[in-house]
Amino acid sequence: MAWGGCYGARYSTGLAPWFTLLAVIGVRALLDHGGSWPNHRGTMIAGGALLALSIFINARGAVSYETSLWKRLTG
């Protein structure tokens, strides 16, 4: 059986909605129990930076021509 090529963690894509839900619940709890935005500015900025980095890395893999050559180069 031949498997197709992919970029990223294909076996855990079904977990993405659950991780999103956990993130939303975590941010809500952080804001409910810790006060307002200025109290958690560093945490929110770090989370936003990590989110932006994740989007950049995955977008780069999705639109890069070299990624499409991966299967030919490794197989």
C-alpha atoms as a PDB file:
ATOM      1  CA  MET A   1       0.000   0.000   0.000  1.00  0.00           C
ATOM      2  CA  ALA A   2       1.435   3.375  -0.981  1.00  0.00           C
ATOM      3  CA  TRP A   3       1.004   6.383   1.266  1.00  0.00           C
ATOM      4  CA  GLY A   4       0.799   9.915  -0.047  1.00  0.00           C
ATOM      5  CA  GLY A   5       3.149  12.661   0.990  1.00  0.00           C
ATOM      6  CA  CYS A   6       2.184  15.242   3.544  1.00  0.00           C
ATOM      7  CA  TYR A   7       3.604  18.132   5.522  1.00  0.00           C
ATOM      8  CA  GLY A   8       3.116  18.140   9.260  1.00  0.00           C
ATOM      9  CA  ALA A   9       1.551  15.780  11.731  1.00  0.00           C
ATOM     10  CA  ARG A  10      -1.187  14.077   9.732  1.00  0.00           C
ATOM     11  CA  TYR A  11      -2.074  11.575  12.447  1.00  0.00           C
ATOM     12  CA  SER A  12      -2.989  14.288  14.942  1.00  0.00           C
ATOM     13  CA  THR A  13      -5.056  16.617  12.749  1.00  0.00           C
ATOM     14  CA  GLY A  14      -8.221  15.375  14.451  1.00  0.00           C
ATOM     15  CA  LEU A  15      -6.915  16.803  17.717  1.00  0.00           C
ATOM     16  CA  ALA A  16      -6.707  20.396  16.427  1.00  0.00           C
ATOM     17  CA  PRO A  17     -10.308  21.339  17.397  1.00  0.00           C
ATOM     18  CA  TRP A  18      -9.759  19.958  20.898  1.00  0.00           C
ATOM     19  CA  PHE A  19      -6.517  21.898  21.334  1.00  0.00           C
ATOM     20  CA  THR A  20      -8.351  25.027  20.190  1.00  0.00           C
ATOM     21  CA  LEU A  21     -11.102  24.401  22.718  1.00  0.00           C
ATOM     22  CA  LEU A  22      -8.534  23.882  25.490  1.00  0.00           C
ATOM     23  CA  ALA A  23      -6.775  27.110  24.508  1.00  0.00           C
ATOM     24  CA  VAL A  24     -10.029  29.089  24.614  1.00  0.00           C
ATOM     25  CA  ILE A  25     -10.952  27.619  28.002  1.00  0.00           C
ATOM     26  CA  GLY A  26      -7.448  28.357  29.316  1.00  0.00           C
ATOM     27  CA  VAL A  27      -7.488  31.987  28.171  1.00  0.00           C
ATOM     28  CA  ARG A  28     -10.961  32.469  29.612  1.00  0.00           C
ATOM     29  CA  ALA A  29      -9.869  31.020  32.973  1.00  0.00           C
ATOM     30  CA  LEU A  30      -6.733  33.181  32.934  1.00  0.00           C
ATOM     31  CA  LEU A  31      -8.787  36.318  32.431  1.00  0.00           C
ATOM     32  CA  ASP A  32     -11.503  35.293  34.917  1.00  0.00           C
ATOM     33  CA  HIS A  33      -9.140  34.530  37.771  1.00  0.00           C
ATOM     34  CA  GLY A  34      -6.310  36.911  37.114  1.00  0.00           C
ATOM     35  CA  GLY A  35      -7.871  40.235  36.339  1.00  0.00           C
ATOM     36  CA  SER A  36      -7.574  42.136  33.113  1.00  0.00           C
ATOM     37  CA  TRP A  37      -5.442  42.257  29.974  1.00  0.00           C
ATOM     38  CA  PRO A  38      -2.547  44.341  31.411  1.00  0.00           C
ATOM     39  CA  ASN A  39      -1.941  41.716  34.115  1.00  0.00           C
ATOM     40  CA  HIS A  40      -1.282  39.019  31.486  1.00  0.00           C
ATOM     41  CA  ARG A  41       0.186  41.037  28.638  1.00  0.00           C
ATOM     42  CA  GLY A  42       3.400  38.965  28.491  1.00  0.00           C
ATOM     43  CA  THR A  43       1.514  35.677  28.422  1.00  0.00           C
ATOM     44  CA  MET A  44      -0.826  36.882  25.675  1.00  0.00           C
ATOM     45  CA  ILE A  45       2.053  38.295  23.602  1.00  0.00           C
ATOM     46  CA  ALA A  46       4.023  35.038  23.934  1.00  0.00           C
ATOM     47  CA  GLY A  47       0.953  33.015  22.944  1.00  0.00           C
ATOM     48  CA  GLY A  48       0.291  35.288  19.968  1.00  0.00           C
ATOM     49  CA  ALA A  49       3.922  35.051  18.850  1.00  0.00           C
ATOM     50  CA  LEU A  50       3.840  31.253  19.045  1.00  0.00           C
ATOM     51  CA  LEU A  51       0.566  31.199  17.103  1.00  0.00           C
ATOM     52  CA  ALA A  52       2.047  33.454  14.400  1.00  0.00           C
ATOM     53  CA  LEU A  53       5.166  31.260  14.201  1.00  0.00           C
ATOM     54  CA  SER A  54       3.016  28.147  13.850  1.00  0.00           C
ATOM     55  CA  ILE A  55       0.978  29.709  11.049  1.00  0.00           C
ATOM     56  CA  PHE A  56       4.154  30.856   9.269  1.00  0.00           C
ATOM     57  CA  ILE A  57       5.812  27.426   9.463  1.00  0.00           C
ATOM     58  CA  ASN A  58       2.718  25.559   8.249  1.00  0.00           C
ATOM     59  CA  ALA A  59       1.963  28.081   5.500  1.00  0.00           C
ATOM     60  CA  ARG A  60       5.560  27.860   4.293  1.00  0.00           C
ATOM     61  CA  GLY A  61       5.263  24.091   4.049  1.00  0.00           C
ATOM     62  CA  ALA A  62       1.888  24.287   2.340  1.00  0.00           C
ATOM     63  CA  VAL A  63       2.866  26.702  -0.435  1.00  0.00           C
ATOM     64  CA  SER A  64       6.537  25.834  -0.976  1.00  0.00           C
ATOM     65  CA  TYR A  65       7.450  24.076  -4.210  1.00  0.00           C
ATOM     66  CA  GLU A  66      10.251  22.233  -2.420  1.00  0.00           C
ATOM     67  CA  THR A  67       7.686  20.593  -0.133  1.00  0.00           C
ATOM     68  CA  SER A  68       6.021  19.012  -3.159  1.00  0.00           C
ATOM     69  CA  LEU A  69       9.396  17.532  -4.143  1.00  0.00           C
ATOM     70  CA  TRP A  70       9.847  15.916  -0.713  1.00  0.00           C
ATOM     71  CA  LYS A  71       8.289  12.595  -1.709  1.00  0.00           C
ATOM     72  CA  ARG A  72      10.503  12.307  -4.791  1.00  0.00           C
ATOM     73  CA  LEU A  73      13.667  13.200  -2.890  1.00  0.00           C
ATOM     74  CA  THR A  74      13.099  10.794   0.016  1.00  0.00           C
ATOM     75  CA  GLY A  75      11.431   7.929  -1.767  1.00  0.00           C
END
